[in-house]
Amino acid sequence: MFLALRVAHSDEWKGQGHASAADWLACKVGISVAEASRQLGTAKKANDLPKTKDRIKKGKLSTDQAGAVSDGARDADARRA
């Protein structure tokens, strides 16, 4: 997920004829563009959450779990603001 996020930020996907970073990821891993977009969004949120990022990298959280944890952390931060 985080490697795909780095590719998305680098715009490398543009030179490969893809309409978006999500389109590139979907093509590379065989998932829908909507799922790829969701995973990139989760990676972007989790990138700012060191413990969550570490658990994802170690395979201790699935992409669905990572999405829920990242969303929960973001919501908690919004309530504190």
PDB file of N, CA and C in Angstrom:
ATOM      1  N   MET A   1       0.816  -1.192   0.000  1.00  0.00           N
ATOM      2  CA  MET A   1       0.000   0.000   0.000  1.00  0.00           C
ATOM      3  C   MET A   1       0.863   1.260   0.000  1.00  0.00           C
ATOM      4  N   PHE A   2       1.905   1.258   0.817  1.00  0.00           N
ATOM      5  CA  PHE A   2       2.728   2.461   0.920  1.00  0.00           C
ATOM      6  C   PHE A   2       3.614   2.647  -0.311  1.00  0.00           C
ATOM      7  N   LEU A   3       4.017   1.554  -0.920  1.00  0.00           N
ATOM      8  CA  LEU A   3       4.771   1.653  -2.169  1.00  0.00           C
ATOM      9  C   LEU A   3       3.880   2.260  -3.255  1.00  0.00           C
ATOM     10  N   ALA A   4       2.642   1.807  -3.316  1.00  0.00           N
ATOM     11  CA  ALA A   4       1.696   2.365  -4.295  1.00  0.00           C
ATOM     12  C   ALA A   4       1.472   3.848  -4.035  1.00  0.00           C
ATOM     13  N   LEU A   5       1.439   4.240  -2.776  1.00  0.00           N
ATOM     14  CA  LEU A   5       1.279   5.651  -2.441  1.00  0.00           C
ATOM     15  C   LEU A   5       2.476   6.464  -2.927  1.00  0.00           C
ATOM     16  N   ARG A   6       3.673   5.904  -2.784  1.00  0.00           N
ATOM     17  CA  ARG A   6       4.865   6.599  -3.288  1.00  0.00           C
ATOM     18  C   ARG A   6       4.809   6.757  -4.798  1.00  0.00           C
ATOM     19  N   VAL A   7       4.351   5.730  -5.492  1.00  0.00           N
ATOM     20  CA  VAL A   7       4.208   5.825  -6.956  1.00  0.00           C
ATOM     21  C   VAL A   7       3.168   6.886  -7.296  1.00  0.00           C
ATOM     22  N   ALA A   8       2.078   6.916  -6.551  1.00  0.00           N
ATOM     23  CA  ALA A   8       1.025   7.902  -6.806  1.00  0.00           C
ATOM     24  C   ALA A   8       1.556   9.322  -6.656  1.00  0.00           C
ATOM     25  N   HIS A   9       2.367   9.551  -5.637  1.00  0.00           N
ATOM     26  CA  HIS A   9       2.930  10.884  -5.415  1.00  0.00           C
ATOM     27  C   HIS A   9       4.005  11.247  -6.435  1.00  0.00           C
ATOM     28  N   SER A  10       4.634  10.239  -7.022  1.00  0.00           N
ATOM     29  CA  SER A  10       5.716  10.504  -7.972  1.00  0.00           C
ATOM     30  C   SER A  10       5.204  10.778  -9.386  1.00  0.00           C
ATOM     31  N   ASP A  11       3.977  10.486  -9.650  1.00  0.00           N
ATOM     32  CA  ASP A  11       3.370  10.637 -10.978  1.00  0.00           C
ATOM     33  C   ASP A  11       3.976   9.694 -12.014  1.00  0.00           C
ATOM     34  N   GLU A  12       4.670   8.638 -11.568  1.00  0.00           N
ATOM     35  CA  GLU A  12       5.233   7.652 -12.493  1.00  0.00           C
ATOM     36  C   GLU A  12       4.138   6.978 -13.322  1.00  0.00           C
ATOM     37  N   TRP A  13       2.961   6.857 -12.743  1.00  0.00           N
ATOM     38  CA  TRP A  13       1.849   6.192 -13.424  1.00  0.00           C
ATOM     39  C   TRP A  13       1.435   6.934 -14.687  1.00  0.00           C
ATOM     40  N   LYS A  14       1.663   8.241 -14.731  1.00  0.00           N
ATOM     41  CA  LYS A  14       1.260   9.040 -15.901  1.00  0.00           C
ATOM     42  C   LYS A  14       1.984   8.593 -17.163  1.00  0.00           C
ATOM     43  N   GLY A  15       3.240   8.239 -17.032  1.00  0.00           N
ATOM     44  CA  GLY A  15       4.023   7.819 -18.179  1.00  0.00           C
ATOM     45  C   GLY A  15       3.678   6.425 -18.666  1.00  0.00           C
ATOM     46  N   GLN A  16       2.795   5.751 -17.953  1.00  0.00           N
ATOM     47  CA  GLN A  16       2.415   4.386 -18.322  1.00  0.00           C
ATOM     48  C   GLN A  16       1.015   4.324 -18.933  1.00  0.00           C
ATOM     49  N   GLY A  17       0.444   5.496 -19.223  1.00  0.00           N
ATOM     50  CA  GLY A  17      -0.842   5.542 -19.912  1.00  0.00           C
ATOM     51  C   GLY A  17      -2.070   5.329 -19.053  1.00  0.00           C
ATOM     52  N   HIS A  18      -1.949   5.522 -17.762  1.00  0.00           N
ATOM     53  CA  HIS A  18      -3.089   5.336 -16.864  1.00  0.00           C
ATOM     54  C   HIS A  18      -3.763   6.674 -16.583  1.00  0.00           C
ATOM     55  N   ALA A  19      -5.058   6.622 -16.362  1.00  0.00           N
ATOM     56  CA  ALA A  19      -5.840   7.829 -16.131  1.00  0.00           C
ATOM     57  C   ALA A  19      -5.617   8.411 -14.737  1.00  0.00           C
ATOM     58  N   SER A  20      -5.226   7.562 -13.788  1.00  0.00           N
ATOM     59  CA  SER A  20      -5.018   8.010 -12.412  1.00  0.00           C
ATOM     60  C   SER A  20      -4.112   7.023 -11.700  1.00  0.00           C
ATOM     61  N   ALA A  21      -3.667   7.405 -10.527  1.00  0.00           N
ATOM     62  CA  ALA A  21      -2.850   6.499  -9.724  1.00  0.00           C
ATOM     63  C   ALA A  21      -3.671   5.269  -9.333  1.00  0.00           C
ATOM     64  N   ALA A  22      -4.954   5.465  -9.049  1.00  0.00           N
ATOM     65  CA  ALA A  22      -5.822   4.337  -8.710  1.00  0.00           C
ATOM     66  C   ALA A  22      -5.972   3.391  -9.899  1.00  0.00           C
ATOM     67  N   ASP A  23      -6.073   3.943 -11.088  1.00  0.00           N
ATOM     68  CA  ASP A  23      -6.150   3.126 -12.296  1.00  0.00           C
ATOM     69  C   ASP A  23      -4.879   2.299 -12.455  1.00  0.00           C
ATOM     70  N   TRP A  24      -3.726   2.921 -12.212  1.00  0.00           N
ATOM     71  CA  TRP A  24      -2.444   2.219 -12.288  1.00  0.00           C
ATOM     72  C   TRP A  24      -2.394   1.072 -11.284  1.00  0.00           C
ATOM     73  N   LEU A  25      -2.754   1.352 -10.019  1.00  0.00           N
ATOM     74  CA  LEU A  25      -2.718   0.334  -8.981  1.00  0.00           C
ATOM     75  C   LEU A  25      -3.675  -0.811  -9.304  1.00  0.00           C
ATOM     76  N   ALA A  26      -4.867  -0.470  -9.749  1.00  0.00           N
ATOM     77  CA  ALA A  26      -5.854  -1.496 -10.099  1.00  0.00           C
ATOM     78  C   ALA A  26      -5.309  -2.429 -11.175  1.00  0.00           C
ATOM     79  N   CYS A  27      -4.672  -1.852 -12.162  1.00  0.00           N
ATOM     80  CA  CYS A  27      -4.087  -2.635 -13.251  1.00  0.00           C
ATOM     81  C   CYS A  27      -2.958  -3.530 -12.745  1.00  0.00           C
ATOM     82  N   LYS A  28      -2.139  -3.019 -11.878  1.00  0.00           N
ATOM     83  CA  LYS A  28      -0.972  -3.762 -11.379  1.00  0.00           C
ATOM     84  C   LYS A  28      -1.351  -4.930 -10.476  1.00  0.00           C
ATOM     85  N   VAL A  29      -2.369  -4.759  -9.642  1.00  0.00           N
ATOM     86  CA  VAL A  29      -2.685  -5.801  -8.661  1.00  0.00           C
ATOM     87  C   VAL A  29      -3.996  -6.535  -8.924  1.00  0.00           C
ATOM     88  N   GLY A  30      -4.708  -6.138  -9.978  1.00  0.00           N
ATOM     89  CA  GLY A  30      -5.913  -6.867 -10.357  1.00  0.00           C
ATOM     90  C   GLY A  30      -7.113  -6.623  -9.460  1.00  0.00           C
ATOM     91  N   ILE A  31      -7.307  -5.376  -9.065  1.00  0.00           N
ATOM     92  CA  ILE A  31      -8.480  -5.000  -8.276  1.00  0.00           C
ATOM     93  C   ILE A  31      -9.223  -3.896  -9.011  1.00  0.00           C
ATOM     94  N   SER A  32     -10.402  -3.552  -8.520  1.00  0.00           N
ATOM     95  CA  SER A  32     -11.166  -2.483  -9.168  1.00  0.00           C
ATOM     96  C   SER A  32     -10.506  -1.130  -8.891  1.00  0.00           C
ATOM     97  N   VAL A  33     -10.815  -0.174  -9.731  1.00  0.00           N
ATOM     98  CA  VAL A  33     -10.291   1.179  -9.531  1.00  0.00           C
ATOM     99  C   VAL A  33     -10.837   1.759  -8.222  1.00  0.00           C
ATOM    100  N   ALA A  34     -12.089   1.450  -7.909  1.00  0.00           N
ATOM    101  CA  ALA A  34     -12.677   1.943  -6.660  1.00  0.00           C
ATOM    102  C   ALA A  34     -11.927   1.382  -5.452  1.00  0.00           C
ATOM    103  N   GLU A  35     -11.601   0.088  -5.482  1.00  0.00           N
ATOM    104  CA  GLU A  35     -10.843  -0.525  -4.386  1.00  0.00           C
ATOM    105  C   GLU A  35      -9.442   0.064  -4.312  1.00  0.00           C
ATOM    106  N   ALA A  36      -8.826   0.261  -5.448  1.00  0.00           N
ATOM    107  CA  ALA A  36      -7.482   0.853  -5.484  1.00  0.00           C
ATOM    108  C   ALA A  36      -7.505   2.265  -4.897  1.00  0.00           C
ATOM    109  N   SER A  37      -8.516   3.023  -5.232  1.00  0.00           N
ATOM    110  CA  SER A  37      -8.660   4.380  -4.701  1.00  0.00           C
ATOM    111  C   SER A  37      -8.826   4.347  -3.186  1.00  0.00           C
ATOM    112  N   ARG A  38      -9.613   3.397  -2.708  1.00  0.00           N
ATOM    113  CA  ARG A  38      -9.821   3.251  -1.267  1.00  0.00           C
ATOM    114  C   ARG A  38      -8.505   2.899  -0.569  1.00  0.00           C
ATOM    115  N   GLN A  39      -7.736   1.985  -1.161  1.00  0.00           N
ATOM    116  CA  GLN A  39      -6.461   1.589  -0.564  1.00  0.00           C
ATOM    117  C   GLN A  39      -5.458   2.735  -0.548  1.00  0.00           C
ATOM    118  N   LEU A  40      -5.433   3.510  -1.610  1.00  0.00           N
ATOM    119  CA  LEU A  40      -4.531   4.669  -1.636  1.00  0.00           C
ATOM    120  C   LEU A  40      -4.937   5.692  -0.574  1.00  0.00           C
ATOM    121  N   GLY A  41      -6.237   5.886  -0.403  1.00  0.00           N
ATOM    122  CA  GLY A  41      -6.726   6.797   0.635  1.00  0.00           C
ATOM    123  C   GLY A  41      -6.351   6.316   2.026  1.00  0.00           C
ATOM    124  N   THR A  42      -6.479   5.009   2.251  1.00  0.00           N
ATOM    125  CA  THR A  42      -6.093   4.431   3.540  1.00  0.00           C
ATOM    126  C   THR A  42      -4.602   4.616   3.778  1.00  0.00           C
ATOM    127  N   ALA A  43      -3.798   4.354   2.765  1.00  0.00           N
ATOM    128  CA  ALA A  43      -2.347   4.513   2.905  1.00  0.00           C
ATOM    129  C   ALA A  43      -1.982   5.959   3.219  1.00  0.00           C
ATOM    130  N   LYS A  44      -2.671   6.884   2.574  1.00  0.00           N
ATOM    131  CA  LYS A  44      -2.394   8.308   2.814  1.00  0.00           C
ATOM    132  C   LYS A  44      -2.699   8.681   4.268  1.00  0.00           C
ATOM    133  N   LYS A  45      -3.845   8.209   4.775  1.00  0.00           N
ATOM    134  CA  LYS A  45      -4.214   8.505   6.165  1.00  0.00           C
ATOM    135  C   LYS A  45      -3.271   7.799   7.142  1.00  0.00           C
ATOM    136  N   ALA A  46      -2.986   6.524   6.882  1.00  0.00           N
ATOM    137  CA  ALA A  46      -2.153   5.733   7.788  1.00  0.00           C
ATOM    138  C   ALA A  46      -0.706   6.206   7.794  1.00  0.00           C
ATOM    139  N   ASN A  47      -0.289   6.860   6.730  1.00  0.00           N
ATOM    140  CA  ASN A  47       1.084   7.357   6.636  1.00  0.00           C
ATOM    141  C   ASN A  47       1.405   8.336   7.764  1.00  0.00           C
ATOM    142  N   ASP A  48       0.384   8.998   8.300  1.00  0.00           N
ATOM    143  CA  ASP A  48       0.562   9.959   9.398  1.00  0.00           C
ATOM    144  C   ASP A  48       0.332   9.326  10.768  1.00  0.00           C
ATOM    145  N   LEU A  49       0.129   8.013  10.789  1.00  0.00           N
ATOM    146  CA  LEU A  49      -0.124   7.291  12.039  1.00  0.00           C
ATOM    147  C   LEU A  49       0.942   6.208  12.200  1.00  0.00           C
ATOM    148  N   PRO A  50       2.054   6.527  12.853  1.00  0.00           N
ATOM    149  CA  PRO A  50       3.204   5.616  12.901  1.00  0.00           C
ATOM    150  C   PRO A  50       2.890   4.197  13.388  1.00  0.00           C
ATOM    151  N   LYS A  51       2.100   4.057  14.438  1.00  0.00           N
ATOM    152  CA  LYS A  51       1.794   2.717  14.961  1.00  0.00           C
ATOM    153  C   LYS A  51       0.945   1.928  13.971  1.00  0.00           C
ATOM    154  N   THR A  52      -0.022   2.594  13.377  1.00  0.00           N
ATOM    155  CA  THR A  52      -0.875   1.940  12.388  1.00  0.00           C
ATOM    156  C   THR A  52      -0.056   1.559  11.170  1.00  0.00           C
ATOM    157  N   LYS A  53       0.788   2.458  10.726  1.00  0.00           N
ATOM    158  CA  LYS A  53       1.640   2.191   9.562  1.00  0.00           C
ATOM    159  C   LYS A  53       2.532   0.976   9.823  1.00  0.00           C
ATOM    160  N   ASP A  54       3.099   0.904  11.004  1.00  0.00           N
ATOM    161  CA  ASP A  54       3.966  -0.215  11.357  1.00  0.00           C
ATOM    162  C   ASP A  54       3.186  -1.531  11.348  1.00  0.00           C
ATOM    163  N   ARG A  55       1.993  -1.524  11.907  1.00  0.00           N
ATOM    164  CA  ARG A  55       1.172  -2.746  11.944  1.00  0.00           C
ATOM    165  C   ARG A  55       0.769  -3.180  10.540  1.00  0.00           C
ATOM    166  N   ILE A  56       0.497  -2.235   9.659  1.00  0.00           N
ATOM    167  CA  ILE A  56       0.169  -2.567   8.275  1.00  0.00           C
ATOM    168  C   ILE A  56       1.378  -3.210   7.603  1.00  0.00           C
ATOM    169  N   LYS A  57       2.538  -2.585   7.780  1.00  0.00           N
ATOM    170  CA  LYS A  57       3.760  -3.101   7.152  1.00  0.00           C
ATOM    171  C   LYS A  57       4.109  -4.499   7.647  1.00  0.00           C
ATOM    172  N   LYS A  58       3.797  -4.782   8.905  1.00  0.00           N
ATOM    173  CA  LYS A  58       4.097  -6.098   9.472  1.00  0.00           C
ATOM    174  C   LYS A  58       3.011  -7.126   9.160  1.00  0.00           C
ATOM    175  N   GLY A  59       1.963  -6.693   8.450  1.00  0.00           N
ATOM    176  CA  GLY A  59       0.891  -7.609   8.079  1.00  0.00           C
ATOM    177  C   GLY A  59      -0.071  -7.927   9.212  1.00  0.00           C
ATOM    178  N   LYS A  60      -0.087  -7.078  10.229  1.00  0.00           N
ATOM    179  CA  LYS A  60      -0.960  -7.309  11.383  1.00  0.00           C
ATOM    180  C   LYS A  60      -2.337  -6.687  11.213  1.00  0.00           C
ATOM    181  N   LEU A  61      -2.508  -5.865  10.167  1.00  0.00           N
ATOM    182  CA  LEU A  61      -3.804  -5.277   9.844  1.00  0.00           C
ATOM    183  C   LEU A  61      -4.093  -5.529   8.370  1.00  0.00           C
ATOM    184  N   SER A  62      -5.294  -5.980   8.074  1.00  0.00           N
ATOM    185  CA  SER A  62      -5.711  -6.107   6.679  1.00  0.00           C
ATOM    186  C   SER A  62      -6.004  -4.711   6.136  1.00  0.00           C
ATOM    187  N   THR A  63      -6.206  -4.614   4.836  1.00  0.00           N
ATOM    188  CA  THR A  63      -6.517  -3.293   4.280  1.00  0.00           C
ATOM    189  C   THR A  63      -7.843  -2.771   4.823  1.00  0.00           C
ATOM    190  N   ASP A  64      -8.806  -3.665   5.054  1.00  0.00           N
ATOM    191  CA  ASP A  64     -10.079  -3.228   5.632  1.00  0.00           C
ATOM    192  C   ASP A  64      -9.897  -2.737   7.063  1.00  0.00           C
ATOM    193  N   GLN A  65      -9.126  -3.479   7.850  1.00  0.00           N
ATOM    194  CA  GLN A  65      -8.860  -3.070   9.229  1.00  0.00           C
ATOM    195  C   GLN A  65      -8.082  -1.759   9.263  1.00  0.00           C
ATOM    196  N   ALA A  66      -7.102  -1.646   8.387  1.00  0.00           N
ATOM    197  CA  ALA A  66      -6.305  -0.420   8.329  1.00  0.00           C
ATOM    198  C   ALA A  66      -7.174   0.775   7.986  1.00  0.00           C
ATOM    199  N   GLY A  67      -8.119   0.589   7.087  1.00  0.00           N
ATOM    200  CA  GLY A  67      -9.031   1.668   6.728  1.00  0.00           C
ATOM    201  C   GLY A  67      -9.876   2.110   7.916  1.00  0.00           C
ATOM    202  N   ALA A  68     -10.383   1.131   8.659  1.00  0.00           N
ATOM    203  CA  ALA A  68     -11.219   1.448   9.822  1.00  0.00           C
ATOM    204  C   ALA A  68     -10.408   2.159  10.901  1.00  0.00           C
ATOM    205  N   VAL A  69      -9.201   1.672  11.170  1.00  0.00           N
ATOM    206  CA  VAL A  69      -8.346   2.287  12.190  1.00  0.00           C
ATOM    207  C   VAL A  69      -7.964   3.709  11.777  1.00  0.00           C
ATOM    208  N   SER A  70      -7.589   3.875  10.521  1.00  0.00           N
ATOM    209  CA  SER A  70      -7.181   5.199  10.035  1.00  0.00           C
ATOM    210  C   SER A  70      -8.335   6.182  10.080  1.00  0.00           C
ATOM    211  N   ASP A  71      -9.518   5.721   9.685  1.00  0.00           N
ATOM    212  CA  ASP A  71     -10.696   6.591   9.735  1.00  0.00           C
ATOM    213  C   ASP A  71     -11.028   6.965  11.178  1.00  0.00           C
ATOM    214  N   GLY A  72     -10.937   5.992  12.076  1.00  0.00           N
ATOM    215  CA  GLY A  72     -11.220   6.256  13.485  1.00  0.00           C
ATOM    216  C   GLY A  72     -10.251   7.255  14.081  1.00  0.00           C
ATOM    217  N   ALA A  73      -8.982   7.116  13.752  1.00  0.00           N
ATOM    218  CA  ALA A  73      -7.971   8.049  14.265  1.00  0.00           C
ATOM    219  C   ALA A  73      -8.202   9.448  13.721  1.00  0.00           C
ATOM    220  N   ARG A  74      -8.559   9.531  12.463  1.00  0.00           N
ATOM    221  CA  ARG A  74      -8.818  10.840  11.856  1.00  0.00           C
ATOM    222  C   ARG A  74     -10.036  11.491  12.501  1.00  0.00           C
ATOM    223  N   ASP A  75     -11.087  10.695  12.740  1.00  0.00           N
ATOM    224  CA  ASP A  75     -12.296  11.220  13.369  1.00  0.00           C
ATOM    225  C   ASP A  75     -12.011  11.693  14.798  1.00  0.00           C
ATOM    226  N   ALA A  76     -11.181  10.945  15.513  1.00  0.00           N
ATOM    227  CA  ALA A  76     -10.833  11.319  16.888  1.00  0.00           C
ATOM    228  C   ALA A  76     -10.061  12.645  16.884  1.00  0.00           C
ATOM    229  N   ASP A  77      -9.153  12.802  15.922  1.00  0.00           N
ATOM    230  CA  ASP A  77      -8.404  14.060  15.824  1.00  0.00           C
ATOM    231  C   ASP A  77      -9.329  15.230  15.510  1.00  0.00           C
ATOM    232  N   ALA A  78     -10.319  14.997  14.667  1.00  0.00           N
ATOM    233  CA  ALA A  78     -11.257  16.058  14.295  1.00  0.00           C
ATOM    234  C   ALA A  78     -12.089  16.483  15.502  1.00  0.00           C
ATOM    235  N   ARG A  79     -12.465  15.519  16.337  1.00  0.00           N
ATOM    236  CA  ARG A  79     -13.259  15.855  17.537  1.00  0.00           C
ATOM    237  C   ARG A  79     -12.430  16.647  18.550  1.00  0.00           C
ATOM    238  N   ARG A  80     -11.135  16.398  18.607  1.00  0.00           N
ATOM    239  CA  ARG A  80     -10.271  17.120  19.538  1.00  0.00           C
ATOM    240  C   ARG A  80     -10.013  18.552  19.074  1.00  0.00           C
ATOM    241  N   ALA A  81     -10.119  18.796  17.780  1.00  0.00           N
ATOM    242  CA  ALA A  81      -9.795  20.123  17.232  1.00  0.00           C
ATOM    243  C   ALA A  81     -10.839  21.154  17.526  1.00  0.00           C
TER     244      ALA A  81
END
